[in-house]
Amino acid sequence: MAWESLITDADHHHLLNQNGDIINPASAVRIGDHVWIGARAMILKGSEIADDCVVGAQSLVTGRFSENKVLIAGSPAKVVKKDILWKE
């Protein structure tokens, strides 16, 4: 995980409807094994990243990426390359 990256499972403050019900509940983040997270990437609540993936620098991950060995990049993030390999 590179510098200034953020992984968060909540919005930090609850938003309520007129009945007092929370309308922005927290949601777990799941990051697989051997995942490289680039500098200043943001991975938000409910996101999932499969094994052996790379998240590009300054990417905004807001969804589920279930395919292994992909490069995820952009804002919002999307799969930009498949069948990648990387070493430390």
PDB file of N, CA and C in Angstrom:
ATOM      1  N   MET A   1       0.862  -1.176   0.000  1.00  0.00           N
ATOM      2  CA  MET A   1       0.000   0.000   0.000  1.00  0.00           C
ATOM      3  C   MET A   1       0.897   1.224   0.000  1.00  0.00           C
ATOM      4  N   ALA A   2       0.708   2.070  -0.980  1.00  0.00           N
ATOM      5  CA  ALA A   2       1.546   3.253  -1.119  1.00  0.00           C
ATOM      6  C   ALA A   2       1.072   4.391  -0.210  1.00  0.00           C
ATOM      7  N   TRP A   3       1.852   5.441  -0.181  1.00  0.00           N
ATOM      8  CA  TRP A   3       1.598   6.569   0.713  1.00  0.00           C
ATOM      9  C   TRP A   3       0.321   7.323   0.336  1.00  0.00           C
ATOM     10  N   GLU A   4      -0.270   7.920   1.370  1.00  0.00           N
ATOM     11  CA  GLU A   4      -1.465   8.750   1.275  1.00  0.00           C
ATOM     12  C   GLU A   4      -2.673   8.043   0.659  1.00  0.00           C
ATOM     13  N   SER A   5      -2.732   6.731   0.769  1.00  0.00           N
ATOM     14  CA  SER A   5      -3.907   5.987   0.317  1.00  0.00           C
ATOM     15  C   SER A   5      -4.931   5.943   1.447  1.00  0.00           C
ATOM     16  N   LEU A   6      -6.195   5.759   1.086  1.00  0.00           N
ATOM     17  CA  LEU A   6      -7.271   5.752   2.068  1.00  0.00           C
ATOM     18  C   LEU A   6      -8.183   4.563   1.818  1.00  0.00           C
ATOM     19  N   ILE A   7      -8.463   3.823   2.890  1.00  0.00           N
ATOM     20  CA  ILE A   7      -9.449   2.744   2.848  1.00  0.00           C
ATOM     21  C   ILE A   7     -10.447   3.040   3.959  1.00  0.00           C
ATOM     22  N   THR A   8     -11.716   3.168   3.596  1.00  0.00           N
ATOM     23  CA  THR A   8     -12.720   3.500   4.601  1.00  0.00           C
ATOM     24  C   THR A   8     -13.992   2.677   4.398  1.00  0.00           C
ATOM     25  N   ASP A   9     -14.575   2.232   5.503  1.00  0.00           N
ATOM     26  CA  ASP A   9     -15.801   1.436   5.426  1.00  0.00           C
ATOM     27  C   ASP A   9     -17.038   2.232   5.839  1.00  0.00           C
ATOM     28  N   ALA A  10     -16.879   3.536   6.019  1.00  0.00           N
ATOM     29  CA  ALA A  10     -17.992   4.392   6.436  1.00  0.00           C
ATOM     30  C   ALA A  10     -17.798   5.798   5.868  1.00  0.00           C
ATOM     31  N   ASP A  11     -18.837   6.622   6.027  1.00  0.00           N
ATOM     32  CA  ASP A  11     -18.781   8.003   5.557  1.00  0.00           C
ATOM     33  C   ASP A  11     -18.368   8.972   6.664  1.00  0.00           C
ATOM     34  N   HIS A  12     -18.053   8.466   7.832  1.00  0.00           N
ATOM     35  CA  HIS A  12     -17.573   9.218   8.992  1.00  0.00           C
ATOM     36  C   HIS A  12     -18.673   9.968   9.743  1.00  0.00           C
ATOM     37  N   HIS A  13     -19.768  10.311   9.071  1.00  0.00           N
ATOM     38  CA  HIS A  13     -20.910  10.937   9.732  1.00  0.00           C
ATOM     39  C   HIS A  13     -22.169  10.279   9.194  1.00  0.00           C
ATOM     40  N   HIS A  14     -23.113  10.040  10.082  1.00  0.00           N
ATOM     41  CA  HIS A  14     -24.380   9.447   9.646  1.00  0.00           C
ATOM     42  C   HIS A  14     -25.296  10.519   9.063  1.00  0.00           C
ATOM     43  N   LEU A  15     -25.962  10.149   7.989  1.00  0.00           N
ATOM     44  CA  LEU A  15     -27.041  10.961   7.437  1.00  0.00           C
ATOM     45  C   LEU A  15     -28.345  10.261   7.778  1.00  0.00           C
ATOM     46  N   LEU A  16     -29.315  11.038   8.215  1.00  0.00           N
ATOM     47  CA  LEU A  16     -30.586  10.474   8.659  1.00  0.00           C
ATOM     48  C   LEU A  16     -31.729  10.999   7.804  1.00  0.00           C
ATOM     49  N   ASN A  17     -32.764  10.168   7.650  1.00  0.00           N
ATOM     50  CA  ASN A  17     -33.976  10.665   7.006  1.00  0.00           C
ATOM     51  C   ASN A  17     -34.859  11.311   8.071  1.00  0.00           C
ATOM     52  N   GLN A  18     -36.028  11.746   7.685  1.00  0.00           N
ATOM     53  CA  GLN A  18     -36.906  12.444   8.633  1.00  0.00           C
ATOM     54  C   GLN A  18     -37.392  11.556   9.767  1.00  0.00           C
ATOM     55  N   ASN A  19     -37.332  10.229   9.582  1.00  0.00           N
ATOM     56  CA  ASN A  19     -37.723   9.300  10.646  1.00  0.00           C
ATOM     57  C   ASN A  19     -36.575   8.984  11.593  1.00  0.00           C
ATOM     58  N   GLY A  20     -35.387   9.512  11.311  1.00  0.00           N
ATOM     59  CA  GLY A  20     -34.222   9.247  12.141  1.00  0.00           C
ATOM     60  C   GLY A  20     -33.460   7.999  11.750  1.00  0.00           C
ATOM     61  N   ASP A  21     -33.822   7.382  10.613  1.00  0.00           N
ATOM     62  CA  ASP A  21     -33.131   6.185  10.135  1.00  0.00           C
ATOM     63  C   ASP A  21     -31.852   6.574   9.393  1.00  0.00           C
ATOM     64  N   ILE A  22     -30.791   5.809   9.608  1.00  0.00           N
ATOM     65  CA  ILE A  22     -29.525   6.052   8.914  1.00  0.00           C
ATOM     66  C   ILE A  22     -29.693   5.693   7.444  1.00  0.00           C
ATOM     67  N   ILE A  23     -29.333   6.609   6.559  1.00  0.00           N
ATOM     68  CA  ILE A  23     -29.471   6.360   5.123  1.00  0.00           C
ATOM     69  C   ILE A  23     -28.129   6.118   4.432  1.00  0.00           C
ATOM     70  N   ASN A  24     -27.037   6.186   5.176  1.00  0.00           N
ATOM     71  CA  ASN A  24     -25.713   5.898   4.606  1.00  0.00           C
ATOM     72  C   ASN A  24     -24.940   4.938   5.519  1.00  0.00           C
ATOM     73  N   PRO A  25     -25.436   3.693   5.680  1.00  0.00           N
ATOM     74  CA  PRO A  25     -24.790   2.766   6.618  1.00  0.00           C
ATOM     75  C   PRO A  25     -23.384   2.374   6.169  1.00  0.00           C
ATOM     76  N   ALA A  26     -22.575   1.981   7.137  1.00  0.00           N
ATOM     77  CA  ALA A  26     -21.232   1.473   6.849  1.00  0.00           C
ATOM     78  C   ALA A  26     -21.337   0.167   6.072  1.00  0.00           C
ATOM     79  N   SER A  27     -20.276  -0.172   5.345  1.00  0.00           N
ATOM     80  CA  SER A  27     -20.243  -1.412   4.574  1.00  0.00           C
ATOM     81  C   SER A  27     -18.795  -1.877   4.474  1.00  0.00           C
ATOM     82  N   ALA A  28     -18.566  -3.140   4.757  1.00  0.00           N
ATOM     83  CA  ALA A  28     -17.204  -3.685   4.807  1.00  0.00           C
ATOM     84  C   ALA A  28     -16.471  -3.525   3.476  1.00  0.00           C
ATOM     85  N   VAL A  29     -15.156  -3.387   3.578  1.00  0.00           N
ATOM     86  CA  VAL A  29     -14.257  -3.377   2.421  1.00  0.00           C
ATOM     87  C   VAL A  29     -13.511  -4.699   2.434  1.00  0.00           C
ATOM     88  N   ARG A  30     -13.409  -5.336   1.276  1.00  0.00           N
ATOM     89  CA  ARG A  30     -12.675  -6.601   1.177  1.00  0.00           C
ATOM     90  C   ARG A  30     -11.569  -6.450   0.140  1.00  0.00           C
ATOM     91  N   ILE A  31     -10.342  -6.713   0.590  1.00  0.00           N
ATOM     92  CA  ILE A  31      -9.181  -6.629  -0.300  1.00  0.00           C
ATOM     93  C   ILE A  31      -8.495  -7.985  -0.267  1.00  0.00           C
ATOM     94  N   GLY A  32      -8.319  -8.583  -1.440  1.00  0.00           N
ATOM     95  CA  GLY A  32      -7.733  -9.914  -1.541  1.00  0.00           C
ATOM     96  C   GLY A  32      -6.249  -9.935  -1.216  1.00  0.00           C
ATOM     97  N   ASP A  33      -5.650 -11.095  -1.402  1.00  0.00           N
ATOM     98  CA  ASP A  33      -4.219 -11.283  -1.170  1.00  0.00           C
ATOM     99  C   ASP A  33      -3.418 -10.746  -2.353  1.00  0.00           C
ATOM    100  N   HIS A  34      -2.217 -10.245  -2.053  1.00  0.00           N
ATOM    101  CA  HIS A  34      -1.270  -9.807  -3.079  1.00  0.00           C
ATOM    102  C   HIS A  34      -1.880  -8.708  -3.950  1.00  0.00           C
ATOM    103  N   VAL A  35      -2.409  -7.680  -3.292  1.00  0.00           N
ATOM    104  CA  VAL A  35      -2.989  -6.528  -3.988  1.00  0.00           C
ATOM    105  C   VAL A  35      -2.083  -5.324  -3.757  1.00  0.00           C
ATOM    106  N   TRP A  36      -1.738  -4.650  -4.825  1.00  0.00           N
ATOM    107  CA  TRP A  36      -0.887  -3.466  -4.785  1.00  0.00           C
ATOM    108  C   TRP A  36      -1.795  -2.250  -4.924  1.00  0.00           C
ATOM    109  N   ILE A  37      -1.738  -1.362  -3.933  1.00  0.00           N
ATOM    110  CA  ILE A  37      -2.566  -0.156  -3.934  1.00  0.00           C
ATOM    111  C   ILE A  37      -1.654   1.039  -4.160  1.00  0.00           C
ATOM    112  N   GLY A  38      -1.877   1.756  -5.252  1.00  0.00           N
ATOM    113  CA  GLY A  38      -1.036   2.884  -5.636  1.00  0.00           C
ATOM    114  C   GLY A  38      -1.252   4.109  -4.757  1.00  0.00           C
ATOM    115  N   ALA A  39      -0.322   5.046  -4.857  1.00  0.00           N
ATOM    116  CA  ALA A  39      -0.339   6.275  -4.065  1.00  0.00           C
ATOM    117  C   ALA A  39      -1.636   7.053  -4.259  1.00  0.00           C
ATOM    118  N   ARG A  40      -2.145   7.549  -3.154  1.00  0.00           N
ATOM    119  CA  ARG A  40      -3.341   8.390  -3.112  1.00  0.00           C
ATOM    120  C   ARG A  40      -4.610   7.722  -3.646  1.00  0.00           C
ATOM    121  N   ALA A  41      -4.607   6.413  -3.738  1.00  0.00           N
ATOM    122  CA  ALA A  41      -5.833   5.707  -4.120  1.00  0.00           C
ATOM    123  C   ALA A  41      -6.829   5.798  -2.965  1.00  0.00           C
ATOM    124  N   MET A  42      -8.104   5.841  -3.303  1.00  0.00           N
ATOM    125  CA  MET A  42      -9.167   5.847  -2.301  1.00  0.00           C
ATOM    126  C   MET A  42     -10.065   4.646  -2.551  1.00  0.00           C
ATOM    127  N   ILE A  43     -10.241   3.828  -1.510  1.00  0.00           N
ATOM    128  CA  ILE A  43     -11.092   2.646  -1.594  1.00  0.00           C
ATOM    129  C   ILE A  43     -12.222   2.859  -0.590  1.00  0.00           C
ATOM    130  N   LEU A  44     -13.428   3.026  -1.111  1.00  0.00           N
ATOM    131  CA  LEU A  44     -14.554   3.419  -0.273  1.00  0.00           C
ATOM    132  C   LEU A  44     -15.407   2.235   0.164  1.00  0.00           C
ATOM    133  N   LYS A  45     -16.302   2.502   1.094  1.00  0.00           N
ATOM    134  CA  LYS A  45     -17.139   1.467   1.711  1.00  0.00           C
ATOM    135  C   LYS A  45     -17.812   0.596   0.665  1.00  0.00           C
ATOM    136  N   GLY A  46     -17.906  -0.697   0.990  1.00  0.00           N
ATOM    137  CA  GLY A  46     -18.556  -1.657   0.111  1.00  0.00           C
ATOM    138  C   GLY A  46     -17.711  -2.153  -1.041  1.00  0.00           C
ATOM    139  N   SER A  47     -16.497  -1.648  -1.176  1.00  0.00           N
ATOM    140  CA  SER A  47     -15.636  -2.057  -2.292  1.00  0.00           C
ATOM    141  C   SER A  47     -15.040  -3.431  -2.043  1.00  0.00           C
ATOM    142  N   GLU A  48     -14.808  -4.154  -3.125  1.00  0.00           N
ATOM    143  CA  GLU A  48     -14.144  -5.453  -3.068  1.00  0.00           C
ATOM    144  C   GLU A  48     -13.124  -5.520  -4.192  1.00  0.00           C
ATOM    145  N   ILE A  49     -11.933  -6.019  -3.851  1.00  0.00           N
ATOM    146  CA  ILE A  49     -10.855  -6.181  -4.828  1.00  0.00           C
ATOM    147  C   ILE A  49     -10.338  -7.603  -4.697  1.00  0.00           C
ATOM    148  N   ALA A  50     -10.315  -8.333  -5.808  1.00  0.00           N
ATOM    149  CA  ALA A  50      -9.899  -9.736  -5.805  1.00  0.00           C
ATOM    150  C   ALA A  50      -8.381  -9.863  -5.653  1.00  0.00           C
ATOM    151  N   ASP A  51      -7.905 -11.100  -5.553  1.00  0.00           N
ATOM    152  CA  ASP A  51      -6.476 -11.393  -5.398  1.00  0.00           C
ATOM    153  C   ASP A  51      -5.670 -10.949  -6.617  1.00  0.00           C
ATOM    154  N   ASP A  52      -4.392 -10.630  -6.366  1.00  0.00           N
ATOM    155  CA  ASP A  52      -3.401 -10.373  -7.419  1.00  0.00           C
ATOM    156  C   ASP A  52      -3.744  -9.183  -8.309  1.00  0.00           C
ATOM    157  N   CYS A  53      -4.416  -8.191  -7.766  1.00  0.00           N
ATOM    158  CA  CYS A  53      -4.791  -7.007  -8.544  1.00  0.00           C
ATOM    159  C   CYS A  53      -3.878  -5.829  -8.217  1.00  0.00           C
ATOM    160  N   VAL A  54      -3.909  -4.830  -9.088  1.00  0.00           N
ATOM    161  CA  VAL A  54      -3.216  -3.568  -8.870  1.00  0.00           C
ATOM    162  C   VAL A  54      -4.251  -2.457  -8.966  1.00  0.00           C
ATOM    163  N   VAL A  55      -4.221  -1.546  -7.987  1.00  0.00           N
ATOM    164  CA  VAL A  55      -5.067  -0.357  -8.015  1.00  0.00           C
ATOM    165  C   VAL A  55      -4.157   0.813  -8.359  1.00  0.00           C
ATOM    166  N   GLY A  56      -4.444   1.492  -9.456  1.00  0.00           N
ATOM    167  CA  GLY A  56      -3.610   2.592  -9.924  1.00  0.00           C
ATOM    168  C   GLY A  56      -3.611   3.780  -8.979  1.00  0.00           C
ATOM    169  N   ALA A  57      -2.543   4.561  -9.043  1.00  0.00           N
ATOM    170  CA  ALA A  57      -2.418   5.769  -8.232  1.00  0.00           C
ATOM    171  C   ALA A  57      -3.593   6.707  -8.489  1.00  0.00           C
ATOM    172  N   GLN A  58      -4.070   7.324  -7.441  1.00  0.00           N
ATOM    173  CA  GLN A  58      -5.158   8.300  -7.451  1.00  0.00           C
ATOM    174  C   GLN A  58      -6.484   7.740  -7.970  1.00  0.00           C
ATOM    175  N   SER A  59      -6.648   6.431  -7.916  1.00  0.00           N
ATOM    176  CA  SER A  59      -7.911   5.824  -8.344  1.00  0.00           C
ATOM    177  C   SER A  59      -8.957   5.931  -7.241  1.00  0.00           C
ATOM    178  N   LEU A  60     -10.219   5.963  -7.636  1.00  0.00           N
ATOM    179  CA  LEU A  60     -11.341   6.005  -6.709  1.00  0.00           C
ATOM    180  C   LEU A  60     -12.154   4.730  -6.893  1.00  0.00           C
ATOM    181  N   VAL A  61     -11.982   3.795  -5.942  1.00  0.00           N
ATOM    182  CA  VAL A  61     -12.642   2.492  -6.025  1.00  0.00           C
ATOM    183  C   VAL A  61     -13.931   2.553  -5.212  1.00  0.00           C
ATOM    184  N   THR A  62     -15.056   2.297  -5.888  1.00  0.00           N
ATOM    185  CA  THR A  62     -16.355   2.367  -5.218  1.00  0.00           C
ATOM    186  C   THR A  62     -17.205   1.130  -5.456  1.00  0.00           C
ATOM    187  N   GLY A  63     -16.678   0.147  -6.146  1.00  0.00           N
ATOM    188  CA  GLY A  63     -17.487  -1.020  -6.488  1.00  0.00           C
ATOM    189  C   GLY A  63     -16.793  -2.325  -6.195  1.00  0.00           C
ATOM    190  N   ARG A  64     -17.325  -3.368  -6.807  1.00  0.00           N
ATOM    191  CA  ARG A  64     -16.802  -4.720  -6.595  1.00  0.00           C
ATOM    192  C   ARG A  64     -16.065  -5.179  -7.841  1.00  0.00           C
ATOM    193  N   PHE A  65     -14.825  -5.612  -7.629  1.00  0.00           N
ATOM    194  CA  PHE A  65     -13.982  -6.140  -8.698  1.00  0.00           C
ATOM    195  C   PHE A  65     -13.629  -7.570  -8.314  1.00  0.00           C
ATOM    196  N   SER A  66     -14.336  -8.534  -8.899  1.00  0.00           N
ATOM    197  CA  SER A  66     -14.207  -9.933  -8.491  1.00  0.00           C
ATOM    198  C   SER A  66     -13.224 -10.723  -9.341  1.00  0.00           C
ATOM    199  N   GLU A  67     -12.731 -10.139 -10.411  1.00  0.00           N
ATOM    200  CA  GLU A  67     -11.801 -10.841 -11.296  1.00  0.00           C
ATOM    201  C   GLU A  67     -10.368 -10.674 -10.788  1.00  0.00           C
ATOM    202  N   ASN A  68      -9.643 -11.793 -10.677  1.00  0.00           N
ATOM    203  CA  ASN A  68      -8.242 -11.763 -10.252  1.00  0.00           C
ATOM    204  C   ASN A  68      -7.353 -11.221 -11.363  1.00  0.00           C
ATOM    205  N   LYS A  69      -6.180 -10.732 -10.971  1.00  0.00           N
ATOM    206  CA  LYS A  69      -5.117 -10.330 -11.902  1.00  0.00           C
ATOM    207  C   LYS A  69      -5.547  -9.252 -12.890  1.00  0.00           C
ATOM    208  N   VAL A  70      -6.174  -8.185 -12.352  1.00  0.00           N
ATOM    209  CA  VAL A  70      -6.541  -7.063 -13.210  1.00  0.00           C
ATOM    210  C   VAL A  70      -5.946  -5.768 -12.664  1.00  0.00           C
ATOM    211  N   LEU A  71      -5.756  -4.805 -13.567  1.00  0.00           N
ATOM    212  CA  LEU A  71      -5.354  -3.452 -13.199  1.00  0.00           C
ATOM    213  C   LEU A  71      -6.624  -2.619 -13.147  1.00  0.00           C
ATOM    214  N   ILE A  72      -6.856  -2.017 -11.985  1.00  0.00           N
ATOM    215  CA  ILE A  72      -8.035  -1.196 -11.744  1.00  0.00           C
ATOM    216  C   ILE A  72      -7.541   0.240 -11.635  1.00  0.00           C
ATOM    217  N   ALA A  73      -8.106   1.151 -12.420  1.00  0.00           N
ATOM    218  CA  ALA A  73      -7.627   2.533 -12.380  1.00  0.00           C
ATOM    219  C   ALA A  73      -8.724   3.490 -12.811  1.00  0.00           C
ATOM    220  N   GLY A  74      -8.560   4.742 -12.413  1.00  0.00           N
ATOM    221  CA  GLY A  74      -9.465   5.801 -12.827  1.00  0.00           C
ATOM    222  C   GLY A  74     -10.341   6.300 -11.700  1.00  0.00           C
ATOM    223  N   SER A  75     -11.166   7.302 -12.046  1.00  0.00           N
ATOM    224  CA  SER A  75     -12.075   7.900 -11.080  1.00  0.00           C
ATOM    225  C   SER A  75     -13.400   8.190 -11.780  1.00  0.00           C
ATOM    226  N   PRO A  76     -14.369   7.301 -11.649  1.00  0.00           N
ATOM    227  CA  PRO A  76     -14.350   6.091 -10.826  1.00  0.00           C
ATOM    228  C   PRO A  76     -13.503   4.996 -11.473  1.00  0.00           C
ATOM    229  N   ALA A  77     -13.026   4.091 -10.637  1.00  0.00           N
ATOM    230  CA  ALA A  77     -12.144   3.016 -11.107  1.00  0.00           C
ATOM    231  C   ALA A  77     -12.894   2.029 -11.991  1.00  0.00           C
ATOM    232  N   LYS A  78     -12.164   1.489 -12.959  1.00  0.00           N
ATOM    233  CA  LYS A  78     -12.675   0.422 -13.826  1.00  0.00           C
ATOM    234  C   LYS A  78     -11.500  -0.472 -14.194  1.00  0.00           C
ATOM    235  N   VAL A  79     -11.781  -1.646 -14.699  1.00  0.00           N
ATOM    236  CA  VAL A  79     -10.723  -2.553 -15.138  1.00  0.00           C
ATOM    237  C   VAL A  79     -10.147  -2.001 -16.437  1.00  0.00           C
ATOM    238  N   VAL A  80      -8.824  -1.766 -16.443  1.00  0.00           N
ATOM    239  CA  VAL A  80      -8.178  -1.235 -17.651  1.00  0.00           C
ATOM    240  C   VAL A  80      -7.246  -2.243 -18.316  1.00  0.00           C
ATOM    241  N   LYS A  81      -6.820  -3.277 -17.578  1.00  0.00           N
ATOM    242  CA  LYS A  81      -6.016  -4.364 -18.155  1.00  0.00           C
ATOM    243  C   LYS A  81      -6.345  -5.647 -17.420  1.00  0.00           C
ATOM    244  N   LYS A  82      -6.266  -6.759 -18.152  1.00  0.00           N
ATOM    245  CA  LYS A  82      -6.536  -8.073 -17.567  1.00  0.00           C
ATOM    246  C   LYS A  82      -5.308  -8.955 -17.681  1.00  0.00           C
ATOM    247  N   ASP A  83      -5.305 -10.042 -16.908  1.00  0.00           N
ATOM    248  CA  ASP A  83      -4.227 -11.041 -16.921  1.00  0.00           C
ATOM    249  C   ASP A  83      -2.864 -10.426 -16.650  1.00  0.00           C
ATOM    250  N   ILE A  84      -2.786  -9.585 -15.607  1.00  0.00           N
ATOM    251  CA  ILE A  84      -1.509  -8.971 -15.246  1.00  0.00           C
ATOM    252  C   ILE A  84      -0.812  -9.801 -14.175  1.00  0.00           C
ATOM    253  N   LEU A  85       0.475  -9.665 -14.082  1.00  0.00           N
ATOM    254  CA  LEU A  85       1.290 -10.253 -13.021  1.00  0.00           C
ATOM    255  C   LEU A  85       2.193  -9.165 -12.482  1.00  0.00           C
ATOM    256  N   TRP A  86       2.491  -9.230 -11.191  1.00  0.00           N
ATOM    257  CA  TRP A  86       3.443  -8.279 -10.635  1.00  0.00           C
ATOM    258  C   TRP A  86       4.237  -8.937  -9.521  1.00  0.00           C
ATOM    259  N   LYS A  87       5.453  -8.426  -9.321  1.00  0.00           N
ATOM    260  CA  LYS A  87       6.344  -8.915  -8.266  1.00  0.00           C
ATOM    261  C   LYS A  87       6.741  -7.749  -7.391  1.00  0.00           C
ATOM    262  N   GLU A  88       7.079  -8.073  -6.146  1.00  0.00           N
ATOM    263  CA  GLU A  88       7.557  -7.038  -5.228  1.00  0.00           C
ATOM    264  C   GLU A  88       8.965  -6.649  -5.577  1.00  0.00           C
TER     265      GLU A  88
END
